[in-house]
Amino acid sequence: MLGKDYSVVDAYAFALCRWSRRMARPGMSWPHFGPYATRVAERPAVLRALRAEHLSEPWI
């Protein structure tokens, strides 16, 4: 979100997107944010964390 390097801002934005998934206009529906969140969700470390927390899919 802040540049080419992954940061805590990326992790927080991803969490907010996850929390919005059942709202009237989820983060994934936003034209620029949806693809960004998908890229974050594909990161190996993010996938490991989601699985370690036993979070159910869809993650976003």
N, C-alpha and C. Protein backbone atom coordinates (compact mmCIF):
# COMPACT_ATOMS: atom_id res chain seq x y z
N MET A 1 0.82 -1.19 0.00
CA MET A 1 0.00 0.00 0.00
C MET A 1 0.87 1.26 0.00
N LEU A 2 1.99 1.17 0.74
CA LEU A 2 2.85 2.34 0.81
C LEU A 2 4.01 2.29 -0.18
N GLY A 3 4.11 1.23 -0.92
CA GLY A 3 5.21 1.11 -1.87
C GLY A 3 5.46 -0.33 -2.22
N LYS A 4 6.66 -0.59 -2.71
CA LYS A 4 6.96 -1.94 -3.20
C LYS A 4 7.17 -2.96 -2.06
N ASP A 5 7.48 -2.48 -0.86
CA ASP A 5 7.73 -3.38 0.27
C ASP A 5 6.45 -3.61 1.07
N TYR A 6 6.28 -4.82 1.57
CA TYR A 6 5.15 -5.18 2.42
C TYR A 6 5.36 -4.56 3.79
N SER A 7 4.31 -3.98 4.35
CA SER A 7 4.43 -3.34 5.67
C SER A 7 3.22 -3.66 6.53
N VAL A 8 3.25 -3.17 7.76
CA VAL A 8 2.14 -3.36 8.68
C VAL A 8 0.87 -2.71 8.13
N VAL A 9 1.00 -1.69 7.33
CA VAL A 9 -0.17 -1.04 6.71
C VAL A 9 -0.87 -2.02 5.77
N ASP A 10 -0.10 -2.81 5.04
CA ASP A 10 -0.69 -3.82 4.15
C ASP A 10 -1.46 -4.86 4.96
N ALA A 11 -0.89 -5.32 6.05
CA ALA A 11 -1.55 -6.31 6.89
C ALA A 11 -2.84 -5.75 7.47
N TYR A 12 -2.81 -4.52 7.92
CA TYR A 12 -4.00 -3.89 8.51
C TYR A 12 -5.08 -3.67 7.45
N ALA A 13 -4.69 -3.19 6.28
CA ALA A 13 -5.66 -2.99 5.20
C ALA A 13 -6.30 -4.31 4.80
N PHE A 14 -5.52 -5.39 4.79
CA PHE A 14 -6.06 -6.70 4.46
C PHE A 14 -7.08 -7.13 5.52
N ALA A 15 -6.77 -6.91 6.79
CA ALA A 15 -7.70 -7.26 7.86
C ALA A 15 -9.01 -6.48 7.72
N LEU A 16 -8.91 -5.19 7.41
CA LEU A 16 -10.12 -4.39 7.22
C LEU A 16 -10.94 -4.91 6.04
N CYS A 17 -10.27 -5.31 4.99
CA CYS A 17 -10.96 -5.87 3.83
C CYS A 17 -11.66 -7.16 4.23
N ARG A 18 -11.00 -7.97 5.00
CA ARG A 18 -11.62 -9.22 5.46
C ARG A 18 -12.86 -8.94 6.28
N TRP A 19 -12.79 -7.98 7.18
CA TRP A 19 -13.93 -7.65 8.03
C TRP A 19 -15.10 -7.10 7.22
N SER A 20 -14.83 -6.51 6.06
CA SER A 20 -15.89 -5.89 5.26
C SER A 20 -16.59 -6.87 4.32
N ARG A 21 -16.18 -8.12 4.28
CA ARG A 21 -16.65 -9.03 3.24
C ARG A 21 -18.15 -9.30 3.26
N ARG A 22 -18.83 -9.05 4.36
CA ARG A 22 -20.28 -9.27 4.41
C ARG A 22 -21.06 -7.95 4.47
N MET A 23 -20.37 -6.86 4.23
CA MET A 23 -21.02 -5.54 4.23
C MET A 23 -21.63 -5.26 2.85
N ALA A 24 -22.43 -4.23 2.79
CA ALA A 24 -23.11 -3.87 1.53
C ALA A 24 -22.12 -3.63 0.39
N ARG A 25 -21.00 -3.00 0.69
CA ARG A 25 -19.97 -2.74 -0.34
C ARG A 25 -18.62 -3.19 0.21
N PRO A 26 -18.31 -4.48 0.08
CA PRO A 26 -17.05 -4.98 0.63
C PRO A 26 -15.83 -4.41 -0.10
N GLY A 27 -14.72 -4.44 0.62
CA GLY A 27 -13.48 -3.92 0.05
C GLY A 27 -13.11 -4.55 -1.28
N MET A 28 -13.44 -5.81 -1.47
CA MET A 28 -13.12 -6.49 -2.73
C MET A 28 -13.86 -5.88 -3.92
N SER A 29 -14.92 -5.15 -3.68
CA SER A 29 -15.69 -4.55 -4.79
C SER A 29 -15.08 -3.23 -5.27
N TRP A 30 -14.14 -2.71 -4.55
CA TRP A 30 -13.52 -1.44 -4.94
C TRP A 30 -12.52 -1.73 -6.08
N PRO A 31 -12.57 -0.94 -7.15
CA PRO A 31 -11.79 -1.28 -8.36
C PRO A 31 -10.28 -1.41 -8.16
N HIS A 32 -9.69 -0.63 -7.29
CA HIS A 32 -8.24 -0.72 -7.10
C HIS A 32 -7.88 -1.55 -5.88
N PHE A 33 -8.74 -1.53 -4.89
CA PHE A 33 -8.43 -2.24 -3.65
C PHE A 33 -8.63 -3.74 -3.77
N GLY A 34 -9.63 -4.19 -4.53
CA GLY A 34 -9.88 -5.61 -4.70
C GLY A 34 -8.67 -6.37 -5.23
N PRO A 35 -8.10 -5.92 -6.35
CA PRO A 35 -6.90 -6.60 -6.86
C PRO A 35 -5.71 -6.54 -5.90
N TYR A 36 -5.58 -5.42 -5.20
CA TYR A 36 -4.50 -5.30 -4.22
C TYR A 36 -4.68 -6.33 -3.10
N ALA A 37 -5.90 -6.44 -2.57
CA ALA A 37 -6.16 -7.39 -1.49
C ALA A 37 -5.93 -8.82 -1.96
N THR A 38 -6.25 -9.11 -3.20
CA THR A 38 -6.00 -10.44 -3.75
C THR A 38 -4.51 -10.73 -3.77
N ARG A 39 -3.71 -9.75 -4.16
CA ARG A 39 -2.25 -9.94 -4.17
C ARG A 39 -1.72 -10.18 -2.76
N VAL A 40 -2.25 -9.44 -1.78
CA VAL A 40 -1.81 -9.65 -0.39
C VAL A 40 -2.19 -11.05 0.06
N ALA A 41 -3.40 -11.49 -0.28
CA ALA A 41 -3.88 -12.82 0.13
C ALA A 41 -3.05 -13.94 -0.48
N GLU A 42 -2.39 -13.70 -1.58
CA GLU A 42 -1.58 -14.72 -2.25
C GLU A 42 -0.16 -14.83 -1.67
N ARG A 43 0.20 -13.92 -0.80
CA ARG A 43 1.54 -13.97 -0.21
C ARG A 43 1.67 -15.21 0.67
N PRO A 44 2.74 -15.98 0.53
CA PRO A 44 2.89 -17.21 1.32
C PRO A 44 2.76 -16.99 2.83
N ALA A 45 3.34 -15.93 3.35
CA ALA A 45 3.27 -15.68 4.79
C ALA A 45 1.84 -15.36 5.23
N VAL A 46 1.10 -14.67 4.40
CA VAL A 46 -0.30 -14.35 4.72
C VAL A 46 -1.12 -15.63 4.72
N LEU A 47 -0.90 -16.48 3.73
CA LEU A 47 -1.61 -17.76 3.68
C LEU A 47 -1.30 -18.61 4.90
N ARG A 48 -0.05 -18.64 5.31
CA ARG A 48 0.33 -19.41 6.51
C ARG A 48 -0.37 -18.87 7.75
N ALA A 49 -0.42 -17.55 7.87
CA ALA A 49 -1.07 -16.93 9.04
C ALA A 49 -2.57 -17.22 9.05
N LEU A 50 -3.22 -17.12 7.90
CA LEU A 50 -4.66 -17.39 7.82
C LEU A 50 -4.95 -18.84 8.21
N ARG A 51 -4.14 -19.74 7.72
CA ARG A 51 -4.33 -21.16 8.03
C ARG A 51 -4.00 -21.46 9.50
N ALA A 52 -2.97 -20.83 10.03
CA ALA A 52 -2.59 -21.05 11.43
C ALA A 52 -3.68 -20.56 12.38
N GLU A 53 -4.40 -19.55 11.97
CA GLU A 53 -5.50 -19.01 12.79
C GLU A 53 -6.80 -19.75 12.56
N HIS A 54 -6.77 -20.75 11.67
CA HIS A 54 -7.96 -21.55 11.33
C HIS A 54 -9.12 -20.69 10.85
N LEU A 55 -8.80 -19.67 10.05
CA LEU A 55 -9.82 -18.79 9.49
C LEU A 55 -10.43 -19.46 8.27
N SER A 56 -11.72 -19.31 8.12
CA SER A 56 -12.41 -19.98 7.02
C SER A 56 -12.35 -19.15 5.74
N GLU A 57 -12.35 -19.85 4.65
CA GLU A 57 -12.41 -19.19 3.35
C GLU A 57 -13.87 -18.86 3.04
N PRO A 58 -14.18 -17.85 2.28
CA PRO A 58 -13.23 -16.98 1.61
C PRO A 58 -12.59 -16.02 2.61
N TRP A 59 -11.30 -15.82 2.46
CA TRP A 59 -10.58 -14.96 3.38
C TRP A 59 -10.88 -13.50 3.13
N ILE A 60 -11.18 -13.15 1.92
CA ILE A 60 -11.53 -11.76 1.61
C ILE A 60 -12.76 -11.72 0.74
